[in-house]
C-alpha atoms as a PDB file:
ATOM      1  CA  MET A   1      -0.055   0.092  -0.232  1.00  0.00           C
ATOM      2  CA  SER A   2       1.069   3.627  -0.915  1.00  0.00           C
ATOM      3  CA  ILE A   3      -0.635   6.698   0.057  1.00  0.00           C
ATOM      4  CA  LEU A   4       0.568  10.119  -0.879  1.00  0.00           C
ATOM      5  CA  THR A   5      -0.118  13.082   1.765  1.00  0.00           C
ATOM      6  CA  PRO A   6       0.489  16.426   0.748  1.00  0.00           C
ATOM      7  CA  LEU A   7       2.515  18.714   2.567  1.00  0.00           C
ATOM      8  CA  ARG A   8       3.843  22.395   2.196  1.00  0.00           C
ATOM      9  CA  SER A   9       2.776  23.948  -1.067  1.00  0.00           C
ATOM     10  CA  THR A  10       5.032  26.666  -2.985  1.00  0.00           C
ATOM     11  CA  PRO A  11       5.040  29.981  -2.947  1.00  0.00           C
ATOM     12  CA  SER A  12       1.805  31.179  -5.283  1.00  0.00           C
ATOM     13  CA  LEU A  13       2.904  33.240  -8.294  1.00  0.00           C
ATOM     14  CA  PRO A  14       2.056  37.110  -8.693  1.00  0.00           C
ATOM     15  CA  GLY A  15      -0.626  38.270 -10.887  1.00  0.00           C
ATOM     16  CA  ARG A  16      -3.311  35.825 -12.692  1.00  0.00           C
ATOM     17  CA  ALA A  17      -1.073  32.717 -11.474  1.00  0.00           C
ATOM     18  CA  ALA A  18      -1.995  33.380  -7.986  1.00  0.00           C
ATOM     19  CA  ARG A  19      -5.443  32.082  -8.837  1.00  0.00           C
ATOM     20  CA  LEU A  20      -4.139  28.974 -10.108  1.00  0.00           C
ATOM     21  CA  PRO A  21      -3.868  26.058  -8.331  1.00  0.00           C
ATOM     22  CA  ARG A  22      -0.606  25.685  -6.375  1.00  0.00           C
ATOM     23  CA  VAL A  23       1.948  23.117  -6.781  1.00  0.00           C
ATOM     24  CA  ARG A  24       2.085  20.607  -4.214  1.00  0.00           C
ATOM     25  CA  ARG A  25       5.300  18.834  -2.575  1.00  0.00           C
ATOM     26  CA  TRP A  26       4.463  14.936  -1.516  1.00  0.00           C
ATOM     27  CA  ASP A  27       6.078  13.201   0.856  1.00  0.00           C
ATOM     28  CA  ARG A  28       7.055  10.035   1.204  1.00  0.00           C
ATOM     29  CA  ILE A  29       4.370   7.552   2.966  1.00  0.00           C
ATOM     30  CA  MET A  30       5.070   4.383   4.393  1.00  0.00           C
ATOM     31  CA  GLY A  31       3.482   1.811   2.655  1.00  0.00           C
ATOM     32  CA  LEU A  32       2.498  -1.676   4.680  1.00  0.00           C
ATOM     33  CA  ASN A  33       5.311  -3.819   3.000  1.00  0.00           C
ATOM     34  CA  ALA A  34       7.856  -1.318   4.319  1.00  0.00           C
ATOM     35  CA  ARG A  35       6.750  -1.301   7.372  1.00  0.00           C
ATOM     36  CA  ASN A  36       6.863  -4.723   7.775  1.00  0.00           C
ATOM     37  CA  GLN A  37      10.356  -4.787   6.031  1.00  0.00           C
ATOM     38  CA  LEU A  38      11.254  -2.438   8.672  1.00  0.00           C
ATOM     39  CA  ILE A  39      10.154  -4.090  11.981  1.00  0.00           C
ATOM     40  CA  ALA A  40      11.453  -7.703  10.653  1.00  0.00           C
ATOM     41  CA  ARG A  41      14.749  -5.436  10.536  1.00  0.00           C
ATOM     42  CA  ALA A  42      14.609  -3.289  13.662  1.00  0.00           C
ATOM     43  CA  ASN A  43      12.332  -5.209  16.389  1.00  0.00           C
ATOM     44  CA  PRO A  44      13.642  -9.000  17.617  1.00  0.00           C
ATOM     45  CA  PRO A  45      11.243 -11.639  17.656  1.00  0.00           C
ATOM     46  CA  GLN A  46      11.354 -12.080  21.177  1.00  0.00           C
ATOM     47  CA  ALA A  47      10.917  -8.415  22.171  1.00  0.00           C
ATOM     48  CA  VAL A  48       7.669  -8.496  19.743  1.00  0.00           C
ATOM     49  CA  ARG A  49       6.463 -11.541  22.136  1.00  0.00           C
ATOM     50  CA  LEU A  50       7.099  -9.306  24.857  1.00  0.00           C
ATOM     51  CA  VAL A  51       4.888  -6.955  23.686  1.00  0.00           C
ATOM     52  CA  ASN A  52       2.436  -8.795  22.766  1.00  0.00           C
ATOM     53  CA  ASP A  53       2.010 -10.069  26.762  1.00  0.00           C
ATOM     54  CA  LYS A  54       0.598  -6.843  28.527  1.00  0.00           C
ATOM     55  CA  VAL A  55       1.431  -8.015  32.092  1.00  0.00           C
ATOM     56  CA  ALA A  56       4.742  -8.932  30.979  1.00  0.00           C
ATOM     57  CA  THR A  57       5.369  -5.703  29.342  1.00  0.00           C
ATOM     58  CA  LYS A  58       4.446  -4.006  32.324  1.00  0.00           C
ATOM     59  CA  ARG A  59       7.013  -5.276  34.356  1.00  0.00           C
ATOM     60  CA  VAL A  60       9.882  -4.410  32.137  1.00  0.00           C
ATOM     61  CA  LEU A  61       8.484  -1.323  31.952  1.00  0.00           C
ATOM     62  CA  THR A  62       8.232  -1.106  35.947  1.00  0.00           C
ATOM     63  CA  ALA A  63      11.866  -2.027  36.005  1.00  0.00           C
ATOM     64  CA  HIS A  64      12.996   1.297  33.801  1.00  0.00           C
ATOM     65  CA  ALA A  65      11.130   3.548  35.767  1.00  0.00           C
ATOM     66  CA  VAL A  66       8.541   3.727  32.862  1.00  0.00           C
ATOM     67  CA  PRO A  67       5.169   5.107  34.741  1.00  0.00           C
ATOM     68  CA  VAL A  68       2.480   2.032  33.960  1.00  0.00           C
ATOM     69  CA  ALA A  69      -0.784   1.679  35.873  1.00  0.00           C
ATOM     70  CA  ASP A  70      -0.894  -0.337  38.943  1.00  0.00           C
ATOM     71  CA  THR A  71      -1.605  -4.288  38.413  1.00  0.00           C
ATOM     72  CA  LEU A  72      -4.381  -4.989  41.476  1.00  0.00           C
ATOM     73  CA  LEU A  73      -5.114  -8.936  40.038  1.00  0.00           C
ATOM     74  CA  VAL A  74      -3.743 -11.321  38.086  1.00  0.00           C
ATOM     75  CA  ILE A  75      -5.689 -14.001  37.188  1.00  0.00           C
ATOM     76  CA  ASP A  76      -4.493 -17.325  35.137  1.00  0.00           C
ATOM     77  CA  SER A  77      -6.084 -20.138  35.684  1.00  0.00           C
ATOM     78  CA  ARG A  78      -9.850 -21.681  36.288  1.00  0.00           C
ATOM     79  CA  ARG A  79      -8.666 -22.233  40.053  1.00  0.00           C
ATOM     80  CA  ARG A  80      -7.701 -18.587  40.468  1.00  0.00           C
ATOM     81  CA  LEU A  81     -10.956 -17.397  38.740  1.00  0.00           C
ATOM     82  CA  ALA A  82     -13.169 -20.142  41.557  1.00  0.00           C
ATOM     83  CA  GLY A  83     -11.048 -18.643  43.896  1.00  0.00           C
ATOM     84  CA  LEU A  84     -11.901 -14.635  43.333  1.00  0.00           C
ATOM     85  CA  ASP A  85     -13.334 -12.811  45.982  1.00  0.00           C
ATOM     86  CA  PRO A  86     -15.390 -10.582  44.576  1.00  0.00           C
ATOM     87  CA  ALA A  87     -14.948  -8.297  47.818  1.00  0.00           C
ATOM     88  CA  SER A  88     -11.422  -7.787  46.595  1.00  0.00           C
ATOM     89  CA  LEU A  89     -12.394  -5.839  43.397  1.00  0.00           C
ATOM     90  CA  PRO A  90     -12.420  -1.852  43.722  1.00  0.00           C
ATOM     91  CA  ASP A  91     -15.392   0.205  43.456  1.00  0.00           C
ATOM     92  CA  SER A  92     -13.922   1.043  39.665  1.00  0.00           C
ATOM     93  CA  PHE A  93     -11.766  -1.121  37.703  1.00  0.00           C
ATOM     94  CA  ALA A  94     -10.603  -2.172  34.222  1.00  0.00           C
ATOM     95  CA  LEU A  95     -10.461  -5.886  33.464  1.00  0.00           C
ATOM     96  CA  LYS A  96      -8.380  -6.963  30.652  1.00  0.00           C
ATOM     97  CA  PRO A  97      -6.921  -9.767  28.480  1.00  0.00           C
ATOM     98  CA  SER A  98      -3.269  -9.721  28.205  1.00  0.00           C
ATOM     99  CA  GLN A  99      -2.816 -10.636  24.675  1.00  0.00           C
ATOM    100  CA  SER A 100      -5.878  -9.121  23.028  1.00  0.00           C
ATOM    101  CA  LEU A 101      -5.570  -6.942  20.083  1.00  0.00           C
ATOM    102  CA  GLY A 102      -6.677  -3.424  19.174  1.00  0.00           C
ATOM    103  CA  GLY A 103      -8.267  -3.079  22.383  1.00  0.00           C
ATOM    104  CA  SER A 104     -10.442  -5.953  22.461  1.00  0.00           C
ATOM    105  CA  GLY A 105     -12.199  -7.417  25.420  1.00  0.00           C
ATOM    106  CA  ILE A 106     -11.838  -4.598  27.857  1.00  0.00           C
ATOM    107  CA  LEU A 107     -14.436  -4.436  30.553  1.00  0.00           C
ATOM    108  CA  LEU A 108     -14.693  -1.160  32.135  1.00  0.00           C
ATOM    109  CA  ALA A 109     -16.301  -0.372  35.881  1.00  0.00           C
ATOM    110  CA  ALA A 110     -17.081   3.146  36.593  1.00  0.00           C
ATOM    111  CA  ARG A 111     -18.655   2.404  40.085  1.00  0.00           C
ATOM    112  CA  ARG A 112     -20.384   0.510  42.332  1.00  0.00           C
ATOM    113  CA  ASP A 113     -24.128  -0.314  42.416  1.00  0.00           C
ATOM    114  CA  ALA A 114     -26.823   0.854  44.631  1.00  0.00           C
ATOM    115  CA  SER A 115     -26.580  -2.538  46.226  1.00  0.00           C
ATOM    116  CA  GLY A 116     -23.014  -2.496  46.652  1.00  0.00           C
ATOM    117  CA  ASP A 117     -22.455  -6.398  45.273  1.00  0.00           C
ATOM    118  CA  GLY A 118     -22.110  -5.516  41.609  1.00  0.00           C
ATOM    119  CA  TRP A 119     -20.934  -2.522  39.433  1.00  0.00           C
ATOM    120  CA  GLU A 120     -22.232  -0.233  37.038  1.00  0.00           C
ATOM    121  CA  SER A 121     -20.713   0.604  33.297  1.00  0.00           C
ATOM    122  CA  ALA A 122     -19.964   4.594  32.662  1.00  0.00           C
ATOM    123  CA  SER A 123     -23.145   4.532  30.554  1.00  0.00           C
ATOM    124  CA  GLY A 124     -25.225   3.133  33.911  1.00  0.00           C
ATOM    125  CA  ARG A 125     -25.786  -0.297  32.600  1.00  0.00           C
ATOM    126  CA  PRO A 126     -25.331  -2.846  34.921  1.00  0.00           C
ATOM    127  CA  ILE A 127     -22.140  -5.193  35.520  1.00  0.00           C
ATOM    128  CA  SER A 128     -22.749  -8.238  38.269  1.00  0.00           C
ATOM    129  CA  VAL A 129     -20.199 -10.784  39.539  1.00  0.00           C
ATOM    130  CA  ALA A 130     -21.665 -13.224  37.388  1.00  0.00           C
ATOM    131  CA  ASP A 131     -21.102 -10.943  34.398  1.00  0.00           C
ATOM    132  CA  VAL A 132     -17.353 -10.263  35.849  1.00  0.00           C
ATOM    133  CA  ARG A 133     -16.392 -13.972  36.174  1.00  0.00           C
ATOM    134  CA  GLU A 134     -18.181 -14.958  32.745  1.00  0.00           C
ATOM    135  CA  HIS A 135     -15.695 -12.183  30.807  1.00  0.00           C
ATOM    136  CA  VAL A 136     -12.658 -13.742  32.915  1.00  0.00           C
ATOM    137  CA  ARG A 137     -13.463 -17.358  31.558  1.00  0.00           C
ATOM    138  CA  CYS A 138     -13.821 -15.648  27.817  1.00  0.00           C
ATOM    139  CA  ILE A 139     -10.452 -13.968  28.612  1.00  0.00           C
ATOM    140  CA  LEU A 140      -9.073 -17.448  29.816  1.00  0.00           C
ATOM    141  CA  ASP A 141     -10.457 -19.251  26.974  1.00  0.00           C
ATOM    142  CA  GLY A 142      -8.882 -16.939  24.223  1.00  0.00           C
ATOM    143  CA  GLU A 143     -12.025 -15.550  22.813  1.00  0.00           C
ATOM    144  CA  TYR A 144      -9.824 -11.577  22.709  1.00  0.00           C
ATOM    145  CA  SER A 145      -6.467 -13.341  21.699  1.00  0.00           C
ATOM    146  CA  PRO A 146      -4.657 -14.584  18.746  1.00  0.00           C
ATOM    147  CA  ARG A 147      -3.850 -17.792  21.145  1.00  0.00           C
ATOM    148  CA  GLY A 148      -5.881 -20.504  22.068  1.00  0.00           C
ATOM    149  CA  ASP A 149      -5.511 -19.070  25.932  1.00  0.00           C
ATOM    150  CA  ASP A 150      -4.950 -15.660  27.533  1.00  0.00           C
ATOM    151  CA  VAL A 151      -4.405 -14.092  31.133  1.00  0.00           C
ATOM    152  CA  ALA A 152      -6.660 -11.787  32.693  1.00  0.00           C
ATOM    153  CA  PHE A 153      -5.803  -8.785  34.867  1.00  0.00           C
ATOM    154  CA  VAL A 154      -7.050  -6.045  36.800  1.00  0.00           C
ATOM    155  CA  GLU A 155      -6.097  -2.430  36.754  1.00  0.00           C
ATOM    156  CA  PRO A 156      -7.932   0.828  38.368  1.00  0.00           C
ATOM    157  CA  LEU A 157     -10.127   2.711  36.138  1.00  0.00           C
ATOM    158  CA  ILE A 158      -8.174   5.398  34.490  1.00  0.00           C
ATOM    159  CA  HIS A 159      -9.747   9.328  34.440  1.00  0.00           C
ATOM    160  CA  ALA A 160      -8.632  10.934  31.407  1.00  0.00           C
ATOM    161  CA  HIS A 161      -7.008  14.746  32.879  1.00  0.00           C
ATOM    162  CA  PRO A 162      -9.491  17.317  32.889  1.00  0.00           C
ATOM    163  CA  VAL A 163      -8.091  19.291  30.193  1.00  0.00           C
ATOM    164  CA  LEU A 164      -7.846  15.933  27.728  1.00  0.00           C
ATOM    165  CA  ASP A 165     -11.546  14.820  28.998  1.00  0.00           C
ATOM    166  CA  GLU A 166     -12.540  18.363  27.972  1.00  0.00           C
ATOM    167  CA  MET A 167     -11.492  17.357  24.513  1.00  0.00           C
ATOM    168  CA  SER A 168     -13.154  14.567  24.270  1.00  0.00           C
ATOM    169  CA  PHE A 169     -16.381  12.665  24.225  1.00  0.00           C
ATOM    170  CA  ARG A 170     -16.482  10.309  26.743  1.00  0.00           C
ATOM    171  CA  GLY A 171     -13.986   7.512  26.602  1.00  0.00           C
ATOM    172  CA  LEU A 172     -10.528   7.756  27.520  1.00  0.00           C
ATOM    173  CA  PRO A 173      -8.198   9.708  24.962  1.00  0.00           C
ATOM    174  CA  ASP A 174      -4.378   8.747  24.527  1.00  0.00           C
ATOM    175  CA  ILE A 175      -1.264   9.967  22.666  1.00  0.00           C
ATOM    176  CA  ARG A 176       0.357   7.746  20.411  1.00  0.00           C
ATOM    177  CA  VAL A 177       4.684   8.266  19.953  1.00  0.00           C
ATOM    178  CA  ILE A 178       7.222   6.943  16.879  1.00  0.00           C
ATOM    179  CA  CYS A 179       9.896   6.439  18.424  1.00  0.00           C
ATOM    180  CA  VAL A 180      13.182   4.747  16.763  1.00  0.00           C
ATOM    181  CA  ASP A 181      15.222   3.789  19.735  1.00  0.00           C
ATOM    182  CA  ASP A 182      14.693   6.442  22.742  1.00  0.00           C
ATOM    183  CA  ARG A 183      14.267   9.082  20.154  1.00  0.00           C
ATOM    184  CA  PRO A 184      10.320  10.163  19.007  1.00  0.00           C
ATOM    185  CA  LEU A 185       9.716  10.777  15.985  1.00  0.00           C
ATOM    186  CA  THR A 186       5.841  11.804  15.153  1.00  0.00           C
ATOM    187  CA  ALA A 187       2.968  11.894  17.983  1.00  0.00           C
ATOM    188  CA  MET A 188      -0.649  12.161  17.920  1.00  0.00           C
ATOM    189  CA  LEU A 189      -3.272  12.485  20.482  1.00  0.00           C
ATOM    190  CA  ARG A 190      -6.375  10.326  19.744  1.00  0.00           C
ATOM    191  CA  LEU A 191      -9.484  11.732  20.797  1.00  0.00           C
ATOM    192  CA  PRO A 192     -12.797   9.254  21.385  1.00  0.00           C
ATOM    193  CA  THR A 193     -16.198  10.648  19.591  1.00  0.00           C
ATOM    194  CA  SER A 194     -19.876   9.431  19.582  1.00  0.00           C
ATOM    195  CA  ALA A 195     -19.152   8.386  16.424  1.00  0.00           C
ATOM    196  CA  SER A 196     -16.346   5.999  17.676  1.00  0.00           C
ATOM    197  CA  GLY A 197     -18.777   4.465  20.432  1.00  0.00           C
ATOM    198  CA  GLY A 198     -16.589   6.036  22.753  1.00  0.00           C
ATOM    199  CA  ARG A 199     -13.112   4.413  21.658  1.00  0.00           C
ATOM    200  CA  ALA A 200     -10.033   6.286  20.965  1.00  0.00           C
ATOM    201  CA  ASN A 201      -9.749   4.241  17.298  1.00  0.00           C
ATOM    202  CA  LEU A 202      -9.352   6.303  14.469  1.00  0.00           C
ATOM    203  CA  HIS A 203     -10.954   3.484  11.975  1.00  0.00           C
ATOM    204  CA  GLN A 204     -13.988   3.684  14.011  1.00  0.00           C
ATOM    205  CA  LYS A 205     -14.237   7.581  13.274  1.00  0.00           C
ATOM    206  CA  ALA A 206     -11.949   9.107  16.568  1.00  0.00           C
ATOM    207  CA  ILE A 207     -10.065  11.786  16.228  1.00  0.00           C
ATOM    208  CA  GLY A 208      -6.373  12.138  15.076  1.00  0.00           C
ATOM    209  CA  ALA A 209      -4.606  15.529  16.040  1.00  0.00           C
ATOM    210  CA  SER A 210      -0.969  16.103  15.330  1.00  0.00           C
ATOM    211  CA  VAL A 211       0.995  17.183  18.554  1.00  0.00           C
ATOM    212  CA  ASP A 212       3.813  19.082  18.051  1.00  0.00           C
ATOM    213  CA  LEU A 213       6.932  17.339  19.176  1.00  0.00           C
ATOM    214  CA  ALA A 214       8.728  20.104  21.216  1.00  0.00           C
ATOM    215  CA  THR A 215       5.839  21.515  22.911  1.00  0.00           C
ATOM    216  CA  GLY A 216       2.812  19.227  22.987  1.00  0.00           C
ATOM    217  CA  THR A 217       0.603  21.767  21.121  1.00  0.00           C
ATOM    218  CA  VAL A 218      -2.403  20.645  18.847  1.00  0.00           C
ATOM    219  CA  GLU A 219      -1.113  21.554  15.349  1.00  0.00           C
ATOM    220  CA  ARG A 220      -4.124  20.198  13.100  1.00  0.00           C
ATOM    221  CA  ALA A 221      -6.762  17.947  13.880  1.00  0.00           C
ATOM    222  CA  TRP A 222      -8.314  14.922  11.214  1.00  0.00           C
ATOM    223  CA  MET A 223     -11.429  12.503  11.124  1.00  0.00           C
ATOM    224  CA  ASP A 224     -12.715  10.160   9.459  1.00  0.00           C
ATOM    225  CA  GLY A 225     -10.266  11.640   5.908  1.00  0.00           C
ATOM    226  CA  ARG A 226     -11.130  15.792   6.478  1.00  0.00           C
ATOM    227  CA  SER A 227      -9.424  18.291   8.851  1.00  0.00           C
ATOM    228  CA  ILE A 228     -11.622  19.369  11.640  1.00  0.00           C
ATOM    229  CA  ASP A 229     -10.866  22.061  14.430  1.00  0.00           C
ATOM    230  CA  THR A 230     -13.562  21.458  17.327  1.00  0.00           C
ATOM    231  CA  HIS A 231     -14.804  18.457  17.980  1.00  0.00           C
ATOM    232  CA  PRO A 232     -18.077  17.323  16.096  1.00  0.00           C
ATOM    233  CA  ASP A 233     -19.801  16.344  19.962  1.00  0.00           C
ATOM    234  CA  THR A 234     -18.527  18.845  21.931  1.00  0.00           C
ATOM    235  CA  GLY A 235     -18.242  22.132  19.914  1.00  0.00           C
ATOM    236  CA  LYS A 236     -14.822  22.344  21.720  1.00  0.00           C
ATOM    237  CA  ARG A 237     -11.372  23.615  19.566  1.00  0.00           C
ATOM    238  CA  LEU A 238      -8.664  21.233  19.290  1.00  0.00           C
ATOM    239  CA  THR A 239      -6.262  23.146  17.395  1.00  0.00           C
ATOM    240  CA  GLY A 240      -3.782  25.292  19.582  1.00  0.00           C
ATOM    241  CA  ARG A 241      -4.728  23.337  23.004  1.00  0.00           C
ATOM    242  CA  ARG A 242      -1.702  21.664  24.884  1.00  0.00           C
ATOM    243  CA  VAL A 243      -1.431  18.076  26.449  1.00  0.00           C
ATOM    244  CA  PRO A 244      -0.674  18.526  29.517  1.00  0.00           C
ATOM    245  CA  HIS A 245       2.770  16.955  31.547  1.00  0.00           C
ATOM    246  CA  TRP A 246       3.713  16.905  27.744  1.00  0.00           C
ATOM    247  CA  ALA A 247       7.804  16.670  28.996  1.00  0.00           C
ATOM    248  CA  ARG A 248       6.304  13.243  31.220  1.00  0.00           C
ATOM    249  CA  VAL A 249       5.100  12.033  28.356  1.00  0.00           C
ATOM    250  CA  ILE A 250       7.776  12.162  26.409  1.00  0.00           C
ATOM    251  CA  ASP A 251       9.932  10.868  28.718  1.00  0.00           C
ATOM    252  CA  ALA A 252       8.323   8.020  29.384  1.00  0.00           C
ATOM    253  CA  ALA A 253       7.954   6.646  25.410  1.00  0.00           C
ATOM    254  CA  ARG A 254      11.764   7.596  25.022  1.00  0.00           C
ATOM    255  CA  ARG A 255      12.232   4.922  28.096  1.00  0.00           C
ATOM    256  CA  CYS A 256      10.049   2.223  26.101  1.00  0.00           C
ATOM    257  CA  SER A 257      12.810   0.835  24.058  1.00  0.00           C
ATOM    258  CA  ALA A 258      15.293   0.167  26.606  1.00  0.00           C
ATOM    259  CA  ALA A 259      12.606  -1.672  28.506  1.00  0.00           C
ATOM    260  CA  THR A 260      11.135  -3.540  25.486  1.00  0.00           C
ATOM    261  CA  GLY A 261      14.341  -4.509  23.157  1.00  0.00           C
ATOM    262  CA  LEU A 262      12.163  -2.499  20.508  1.00  0.00           C
ATOM    263  CA  ARG A 263      14.215  -0.628  18.138  1.00  0.00           C
ATOM    264  CA  TYR A 264      10.833   1.068  16.416  1.00  0.00           C
ATOM    265  CA  LEU A 265       7.828   1.115  18.550  1.00  0.00           C
ATOM    266  CA  GLY A 266       4.480   3.301  18.675  1.00  0.00           C
ATOM    267  CA  ALA A 267       4.125   3.858  22.712  1.00  0.00           C
ATOM    268  CA  ASP A 268       0.554   4.760  24.104  1.00  0.00           C
ATOM    269  CA  VAL A 269       0.367   6.997  26.356  1.00  0.00           C
ATOM    270  CA  VAL A 270      -2.642   7.886  28.751  1.00  0.00           C
ATOM    271  CA  VAL A 271      -2.712  10.919  31.207  1.00  0.00           C
ATOM    272  CA  ASP A 272      -4.453  10.046  34.483  1.00  0.00           C
ATOM    273  CA  ALA A 273      -6.327  13.009  36.058  1.00  0.00           C
ATOM    274  CA  ASP A 274      -3.953  12.295  39.328  1.00  0.00           C
ATOM    275  CA  ARG A 275      -1.225   9.580  38.668  1.00  0.00           C
ATOM    276  CA  GLY A 276      -0.274  12.007  35.307  1.00  0.00           C
ATOM    277  CA  PRO A 277       1.191   9.784  32.266  1.00  0.00           C
ATOM    278  CA  LEU A 278       0.976   6.398  32.217  1.00  0.00           C
ATOM    279  CA  LEU A 279       2.159   4.104  29.852  1.00  0.00           C
ATOM    280  CA  LEU A 280      -0.825   1.891  28.123  1.00  0.00           C
ATOM    281  CA  GLU A 281       0.758  -0.130  25.990  1.00  0.00           C
ATOM    282  CA  VAL A 282       3.783  -0.764  23.392  1.00  0.00           C
ATOM    283  CA  ASN A 283       3.123  -1.376  20.015  1.00  0.00           C
ATOM    284  CA  ALA A 284       5.700  -3.279  18.163  1.00  0.00           C
ATOM    285  CA  ARG A 285       3.761  -2.869  14.692  1.00  0.00           C
ATOM    286  CA  PRO A 286       2.376   0.523  14.976  1.00  0.00           C
ATOM    287  CA  GLY A 287      -0.233   1.346  12.397  1.00  0.00           C
ATOM    288  CA  LEU A 288       0.356   3.805   9.440  1.00  0.00           C
ATOM    289  CA  GLN A 289      -2.679   6.105   9.879  1.00  0.00           C
ATOM    290  CA  ILE A 290      -0.394   8.608  11.732  1.00  0.00           C
ATOM    291  CA  GLN A 291       1.058   9.887   8.755  1.00  0.00           C
ATOM    292  CA  ASN A 292      -2.450  11.019   7.388  1.00  0.00           C
ATOM    293  CA  VAL A 293      -3.236  12.733  10.828  1.00  0.00           C
ATOM    294  CA  THR A 294       0.406  14.670  10.908  1.00  0.00           C
ATOM    295  CA  GLY A 295       0.730  15.231   7.273  1.00  0.00           C
ATOM    296  CA  ARG A 296       4.473  13.680   7.524  1.00  0.00           C
ATOM    297  CA  GLY A 297       5.726  10.511   5.634  1.00  0.00           C
ATOM    298  CA  LEU A 298       7.281   8.416   8.423  1.00  0.00           C
ATOM    299  CA  LEU A 299       9.919   7.494   5.312  1.00  0.00           C
ATOM    300  CA  ASP A 300      10.982  11.018   5.923  1.00  0.00           C
ATOM    301  CA  ILE A 301      11.601  11.609   9.071  1.00  0.00           C
ATOM    302  CA  LEU A 302      13.067   7.928  10.038  1.00  0.00           C
ATOM    303  CA  PRO A 303      17.216   7.999  10.773  1.00  0.00           C
ATOM    304  CA  PRO A 304      18.938   6.851   8.108  1.00  0.00           C
ATOM    305  CA  GLU A 305      20.275   3.839  10.171  1.00  0.00           C
ATOM    306  CA  VAL A 306      16.801   1.966   9.959  1.00  0.00           C
ATOM    307  CA  ALA A 307      15.296   3.709   7.221  1.00  0.00           C
ATOM    308  CA  ALA A 308      17.843   1.385   4.575  1.00  0.00           C
END
């Protein structure tokens, strides 16, 4: 796959020529084949296997002083599931598979229900103890994993920083930073919308917003193939806003290569209202949509030692 994205324009000519369409310079865009070749060269298989296991990845990130959400509980067998005490679960939590793809299989409990025996989702949907047990069973059976089995783990529910919460429609916004070794190359903010169902997934019509690496300022925003300046659901302006704790976001992304062994990676960071930046996930095969969002082709910004 090869995509061309228009970038900077040449100066328009005076007089009548100024009204003609301007000639555009086209950036070199990384396609899927080039991305896969780069990953094969840069990312050792053992490092790829590591980051495909979120529980193991969190351990190595913690050892390298990368901030992550606490792991409250790991359930790795039917025996542990049978011994699960619902009273040990907090009032709000995220229940996740360790090896899922694309954010699938995550159960979010926003609060205890009125009875105190169950929970509710952010939209008010009831979540019973039986629902929790059944979701863990599905995770253990590998229903959200490319493998035949998996491990479930529980984290505290992350609450977005107020600045980012205001820029989103429900859901949890995150920041994707593409790095080579400890060098950030490009970054985007992903913002949930009503069309995306509160998920920060661009293919589900979330907003992608290009973020300046030096300042953390949103330079442009993009949704479903078009540029926008304001959020379609809230009307809040997006361009010109600054991502809070930006220096700490970049620092967390920089540390991921040394922690995991990946040379080329996508670091997904969230900014919690209380704890600040937390590394959510490390991707060995980051997607290519960031080029459309930022207007920068990855082939033009890769360091020479990994581009060849």
